[in-house]
Amino acid sequence: MTGPVQLLGVTKRFGDVTALDDVSFEVDAGECVGLLGPNGAGKTTALSLLTGVRQPTTGTVRLFGADPRNPAARRTLGSTPQATALPDSLRVREVLELVAAHYPAPAPRDRIVSEFGLDDLVDALCGGLSGGQQRRVAVAMAFVGDPRLVLLDEPTTGLDVEGRRALWQAVRARHAAGCTVIVTSHHLEEIEQLAERVIVIDDGRIRADDTLSSIMAGVGRRRVTLRGVEPAHLRALEPDAAITVVDGASPGPSALVSAVVSDADAFVRKLVAHELPFFDLQVRGATLEEAFLSLTSPSSR
């Protein structure tokens, strides 16, 4: 059976700019997929094709097997765009009820209010909400219709750390209940928390499409942290490494320094051969951020 989302050979141009270049991917029912890429990579454009807001220049887009411009195809679709725009004069409960009325079998409002932590805001006017509160309402709106598929474009923009974690928990609960989710985010931790599969888009093309663990393992880079060696000495030793002082570390010889390298064993051998006075050395695999930067670097294109 065909999944809820299909993009087949999709190209989208805006004048002379190619936002998507021969992009193909499918999403199966029940998946939670993270769509990653730098600004301007084509992530939001891909979501706009799925909502029927835009049409592909060439290629095919299918939502539940139909053209997304067909209202019937969107009857079980929920979405949260990057920009939050709520009617100032309506109360939160009124907005949720208004959105729910457009769905054939909406979720109980009280359940969505509870899951998304809106109990204290349900009678508040939208115009009096903070930016973070408005964002929480906007994401809840995407789920209030109990849709089969939800598209979340930068869902936690404007939220603090606590707010992001609470929203992740709510999204995970809806996904566990069977909702298919596609999420874009600049918070790579967010993708690690939510996604089972990651599609990396850069310069309008798919650079990787795999499970989260496979993408991180496939990058082949390792992070080496150590003390006792100045960053300048490490850069001279390994010019291609990404050398940084770890946040919060005190300056000086005892500072904790990080080096992201392609061959950790060879790097350590160089440290020993040059008799550099390192200590507290640790080696671990790449994080999603390191994998992402590697996949979207100019040298990988």
Protein backbone atom coordinates (compact mmCIF):
# COMPACT_ATOMS: atom_id res chain seq x y z
CA MET A 1 0.00 0.00 0.00
CA THR A 2 1.23 3.48 -0.88
CA GLY A 3 2.29 5.62 2.08
CA PRO A 4 0.71 8.99 2.88
CA VAL A 5 3.55 10.97 1.24
CA GLN A 6 5.21 10.58 -2.16
CA LEU A 7 7.54 12.93 -4.00
CA LEU A 8 8.70 11.47 -7.32
CA GLY A 9 11.34 13.30 -9.36
CA VAL A 10 10.18 16.67 -8.04
CA THR A 11 11.81 19.88 -9.22
CA LYS A 12 10.57 23.28 -8.07
CA ARG A 13 11.90 26.51 -9.54
CA PHE A 14 11.23 30.12 -8.58
CA GLY A 15 12.41 32.03 -11.62
CA ASP A 16 16.11 31.26 -12.00
CA VAL A 17 16.33 29.69 -8.53
CA THR A 18 15.96 25.91 -8.21
CA ALA A 19 14.59 25.20 -4.73
CA LEU A 20 14.21 21.44 -5.26
CA ASP A 21 16.18 19.48 -7.85
CA ASP A 22 14.86 16.03 -8.81
CA VAL A 23 13.84 15.11 -5.25
CA SER A 24 12.22 11.75 -4.55
CA PHE A 25 11.16 10.25 -1.23
CA GLU A 26 8.23 8.45 0.36
CA VAL A 27 7.00 8.39 3.94
CA ASP A 28 5.15 5.36 5.26
CA ALA A 29 2.25 5.47 7.68
CA GLY A 30 3.39 5.72 11.29
CA GLU A 31 6.86 7.11 10.57
CA CYS A 32 8.36 10.19 12.21
CA VAL A 33 10.76 11.73 9.68
CA GLY A 34 13.13 14.62 10.28
CA LEU A 35 13.77 16.91 7.32
CA LEU A 36 17.11 18.64 7.79
CA GLY A 37 19.03 21.21 5.79
CA PRO A 38 20.55 24.70 5.92
CA ASN A 39 18.43 27.79 5.35
CA GLY A 40 17.29 27.82 1.73
CA ALA A 41 17.91 24.10 1.27
CA GLY A 42 14.33 23.40 0.15
CA LYS A 43 12.72 21.95 3.30
CA THR A 44 9.86 24.42 3.55
CA THR A 45 9.32 24.25 -0.21
CA ALA A 46 8.85 20.48 0.07
CA LEU A 47 6.23 20.93 2.80
CA SER A 48 4.44 23.61 0.77
CA LEU A 49 4.07 21.12 -2.09
CA LEU A 50 2.53 18.57 0.28
CA THR A 51 -0.02 21.08 1.58
CA GLY A 52 -0.98 22.07 -1.96
CA VAL A 53 0.10 25.69 -1.44
CA ARG A 54 2.58 25.34 -4.31
CA GLN A 55 2.85 23.04 -7.32
CA PRO A 56 5.99 21.32 -8.60
CA THR A 57 7.60 22.61 -11.76
CA THR A 58 8.13 19.00 -12.81
CA GLY A 59 7.57 15.67 -11.08
CA THR A 60 4.76 14.22 -9.02
CA VAL A 61 3.57 14.93 -5.47
CA ARG A 62 1.00 12.67 -3.84
CA LEU A 63 -0.76 13.08 -0.50
CA PHE A 64 -2.60 9.91 0.51
CA GLY A 65 -2.34 8.87 -3.15
CA ALA A 66 -4.00 12.01 -4.51
CA ASP A 67 -3.07 15.51 -5.68
CA PRO A 68 -2.53 17.69 -2.57
CA ARG A 69 -4.61 20.43 -4.21
CA ASN A 70 -7.62 18.14 -3.85
CA PRO A 71 -9.40 19.14 -0.61
CA ALA A 72 -10.36 15.51 0.02
CA ALA A 73 -6.66 14.58 0.21
CA ARG A 74 -6.11 17.18 2.93
CA ARG A 75 -9.00 16.14 5.16
CA THR A 76 -6.69 14.23 7.50
CA LEU A 77 -3.64 16.51 7.23
CA GLY A 78 -2.48 18.83 10.01
CA SER A 79 0.31 21.36 9.68
CA THR A 80 2.17 24.08 11.54
CA PRO A 81 4.01 26.59 9.32
CA GLN A 82 7.13 28.48 10.40
CA ALA A 83 5.25 31.71 11.02
CA THR A 84 2.60 31.80 13.75
CA ALA A 85 -0.47 33.90 12.98
CA LEU A 86 -3.41 33.56 15.37
CA PRO A 87 -6.51 35.80 15.40
CA ASP A 88 -6.02 38.28 18.24
CA SER A 89 -9.71 38.53 19.15
CA LEU A 90 -10.35 34.80 19.58
CA ARG A 91 -9.71 32.74 22.68
CA VAL A 92 -7.48 29.68 22.54
CA ARG A 93 -10.40 27.27 22.97
CA GLU A 94 -12.28 29.02 20.14
CA VAL A 95 -9.32 28.66 17.79
CA LEU A 96 -8.97 24.97 18.62
CA GLU A 97 -12.70 24.40 18.12
CA LEU A 98 -12.63 26.29 14.82
CA VAL A 99 -9.82 24.14 13.46
CA ALA A 100 -11.32 20.90 14.81
CA ALA A 101 -14.60 21.63 13.00
CA HIS A 102 -12.84 21.18 9.64
CA TYR A 103 -11.98 17.52 10.37
CA PRO A 104 -14.25 14.47 10.03
CA ALA A 105 -13.33 12.98 13.43
CA PRO A 106 -11.44 15.51 15.58
CA ALA A 107 -9.65 14.66 18.80
CA PRO A 108 -11.29 15.53 22.12
CA ARG A 109 -10.32 19.13 22.81
CA ASP A 110 -9.57 18.48 26.47
CA ARG A 111 -7.06 15.78 25.56
CA ILE A 112 -5.14 18.09 23.22
CA VAL A 113 -5.27 20.93 25.76
CA SER A 114 -3.82 18.63 28.42
CA GLU A 115 -1.15 17.02 26.22
CA PHE A 116 0.13 20.36 24.96
CA GLY A 117 0.04 22.06 28.36
CA LEU A 118 -2.61 24.64 27.47
CA ASP A 119 -4.85 24.23 30.53
CA ASP A 120 -4.00 27.70 31.88
CA LEU A 121 -4.33 29.33 28.46
CA VAL A 122 -7.55 27.85 27.12
CA ASP A 123 -9.66 30.94 27.98
CA ALA A 124 -6.97 33.51 27.11
CA LEU A 125 -7.21 35.78 24.08
CA CYS A 126 -4.68 34.83 21.42
CA GLY A 127 -3.66 38.48 21.11
CA GLY A 128 -2.42 38.46 24.70
CA LEU A 129 -0.21 35.38 24.38
CA SER A 130 3.57 35.50 24.33
CA GLY A 131 5.41 34.29 21.25
CA GLY A 132 6.22 30.97 22.90
CA GLN A 133 2.62 30.47 24.04
CA GLN A 134 1.34 31.21 20.54
CA ARG A 135 3.74 28.62 19.16
CA ARG A 136 2.43 25.96 21.54
CA VAL A 137 -1.13 26.73 20.44
CA ALA A 138 -0.11 26.59 16.77
CA VAL A 139 1.39 23.11 17.16
CA ALA A 140 -1.64 21.91 19.14
CA MET A 141 -3.83 23.16 16.27
CA ALA A 142 -2.01 20.78 13.92
CA PHE A 143 -3.11 17.81 16.06
CA VAL A 144 -6.58 18.87 17.23
CA GLY A 145 -8.25 17.32 14.18
CA ASP A 146 -6.70 13.93 15.02
CA PRO A 147 -5.06 13.86 11.56
CA ARG A 148 -3.28 10.88 10.05
CA LEU A 149 -0.34 13.07 8.95
CA VAL A 150 1.15 16.20 10.53
CA LEU A 151 3.75 18.52 8.99
CA LEU A 152 5.72 20.58 11.53
CA ASP A 153 7.94 23.34 10.13
CA GLU A 154 10.32 24.54 12.86
CA PRO A 155 7.75 23.68 15.56
CA THR A 156 9.59 25.00 18.62
CA THR A 157 10.68 28.38 17.27
CA GLY A 158 10.59 30.91 20.12
CA LEU A 159 10.36 28.33 22.92
CA ASP A 160 12.81 28.02 25.78
CA VAL A 161 14.47 24.71 26.67
CA GLU A 162 11.69 23.65 29.04
CA GLY A 163 9.02 24.58 26.51
CA ARG A 164 10.75 22.63 23.73
CA ARG A 165 11.00 19.50 25.86
CA ALA A 166 7.33 19.69 26.85
CA LEU A 167 6.32 20.06 23.21
CA TRP A 168 8.52 17.13 22.17
CA GLN A 169 6.75 14.97 24.75
CA ALA A 170 3.35 15.95 23.33
CA VAL A 171 4.43 15.25 19.74
CA ARG A 172 5.88 11.88 20.78
CA ALA A 173 2.55 11.00 22.40
CA ARG A 174 0.64 11.75 19.19
CA HIS A 175 3.17 9.80 17.13
CA ALA A 176 2.91 6.84 19.51
CA ALA A 177 -0.86 6.96 18.98
CA GLY A 178 -0.31 6.35 15.25
CA CYS A 179 0.09 9.79 13.71
CA THR A 180 2.66 10.11 10.89
CA VAL A 181 4.92 13.13 11.45
CA ILE A 182 7.33 15.08 9.24
CA VAL A 183 9.31 17.71 11.15
CA THR A 184 11.86 20.30 10.06
CA SER A 185 14.03 22.01 12.63
CA HIS A 186 17.20 24.00 13.17
CA HIS A 187 17.43 22.42 16.63
CA LEU A 188 19.29 19.23 15.75
CA GLU A 189 18.58 17.95 19.25
CA GLU A 190 14.91 18.17 18.30
CA ILE A 191 15.40 15.77 15.41
CA GLU A 192 17.35 13.42 17.67
CA GLN A 193 14.47 13.50 20.16
CA LEU A 194 11.67 12.95 17.63
CA ALA A 195 12.79 11.36 14.38
CA GLU A 196 13.42 7.72 13.54
CA ARG A 197 14.51 8.59 10.01
CA VAL A 198 16.36 11.64 8.70
CA ILE A 199 16.31 13.14 5.21
CA VAL A 200 19.10 15.66 4.68
CA ILE A 201 18.41 18.23 1.94
CA ASP A 202 21.07 20.66 0.79
CA ASP A 203 21.07 22.93 -2.24
CA GLY A 204 17.74 21.44 -3.31
CA ARG A 205 18.97 17.83 -3.39
CA ILE A 206 18.76 14.89 -1.00
CA ARG A 207 22.19 14.20 0.51
CA ALA A 208 21.14 11.39 2.83
CA ASP A 209 18.00 9.41 3.68
CA ASP A 210 18.39 6.81 6.39
CA THR A 211 17.76 6.00 10.01
CA LEU A 212 19.18 8.44 12.52
CA SER A 213 21.77 5.95 13.79
CA SER A 214 22.89 4.97 10.28
CA ILE A 215 23.46 8.57 9.23
CA MET A 216 25.55 9.30 12.30
CA ALA A 217 27.54 6.07 11.90
CA GLY A 218 28.03 6.53 8.16
CA VAL A 219 29.72 9.90 8.41
CA GLY A 220 32.92 8.22 9.57
CA ARG A 221 34.05 11.14 11.71
CA ARG A 222 34.91 11.00 15.40
CA ARG A 223 35.11 13.60 18.13
CA VAL A 224 38.30 13.52 20.18
CA THR A 225 38.34 15.59 23.38
CA LEU A 226 41.48 16.19 25.39
CA ARG A 227 43.33 18.58 27.69
CA GLY A 228 46.92 19.77 27.81
CA VAL A 229 47.39 20.88 24.19
CA GLU A 230 46.69 24.36 22.80
CA PRO A 231 44.15 24.49 19.93
CA ALA A 232 46.76 26.12 17.65
CA HIS A 233 49.04 23.10 18.07
CA LEU A 234 46.20 20.74 17.18
CA ARG A 235 45.33 22.77 14.08
CA ALA A 236 48.94 22.59 12.94
CA LEU A 237 48.94 18.85 13.55
CA GLU A 238 45.61 18.17 11.77
CA PRO A 239 44.69 21.06 9.40
CA ASP A 240 41.45 19.41 8.22
CA ALA A 241 40.09 18.85 11.74
CA ALA A 242 37.39 21.02 13.29
CA ILE A 243 39.09 22.28 16.46
CA THR A 244 37.11 24.07 19.16
CA VAL A 245 37.36 24.85 22.85
CA VAL A 246 34.41 23.19 24.55
CA ASP A 247 31.83 25.66 25.86
CA GLY A 248 32.49 26.66 29.44
CA ALA A 249 36.08 25.46 29.48
CA SER A 250 38.62 27.76 31.10
CA PRO A 251 41.33 29.13 28.79
CA GLY A 252 44.83 27.77 29.14
CA PRO A 253 46.64 24.43 28.91
CA SER A 254 43.99 22.64 30.98
CA ALA A 255 41.12 23.73 28.70
CA LEU A 256 38.97 20.96 27.24
CA VAL A 257 39.52 20.98 23.48
CA SER A 258 37.45 19.12 20.88
CA ALA A 259 38.77 17.87 17.53
CA VAL A 260 36.39 16.34 14.97
CA VAL A 261 38.55 14.14 12.74
CA SER A 262 38.10 11.52 10.02
CA ASP A 263 40.61 9.07 11.55
CA ALA A 264 40.77 9.20 15.34
CA ASP A 265 43.44 6.48 15.59
CA ALA A 266 45.79 8.32 13.23
CA PHE A 267 45.17 11.58 15.10
CA VAL A 268 46.08 10.03 18.45
CA ARG A 269 49.21 8.48 16.95
CA LYS A 270 50.29 11.95 15.80
CA LEU A 271 49.78 13.29 19.31
CA VAL A 272 52.04 10.57 20.68
CA ALA A 273 54.65 10.91 17.92
CA HIS A 274 54.95 14.66 18.53
CA GLU A 275 55.17 14.06 22.29
CA LEU A 276 52.37 16.50 23.03
CA PRO A 277 51.43 16.51 26.75
CA PHE A 278 47.76 15.57 26.39
CA PHE A 279 45.55 14.02 29.08
CA ASP A 280 41.86 13.24 29.71
CA LEU A 281 41.55 12.00 26.13
CA GLN A 282 38.19 10.59 25.01
CA VAL A 283 36.95 9.41 21.59
CA ARG A 284 33.32 9.00 20.61
CA GLY A 285 31.17 8.77 17.50
CA ALA A 286 29.71 11.68 15.56
CA THR A 287 26.61 13.49 16.80
CA LEU A 288 23.75 14.35 14.45
CA GLU A 289 25.11 17.89 14.27
CA GLU A 290 28.52 16.66 13.13
CA ALA A 291 26.93 14.29 10.61
CA PHE A 292 24.74 17.11 9.33
CA LEU A 293 27.66 19.52 8.93
CA SER A 294 29.68 16.86 7.14
CA LEU A 295 26.86 16.03 4.72
CA THR A 296 26.14 19.68 3.89
CA SER A 297 29.73 20.94 3.68
CA PRO A 298 30.87 22.25 0.25
CA SER A 299 33.35 19.39 -0.07
CA SER A 300 30.53 16.82 0.09
CA ARG A 301 28.55 18.29 -2.82
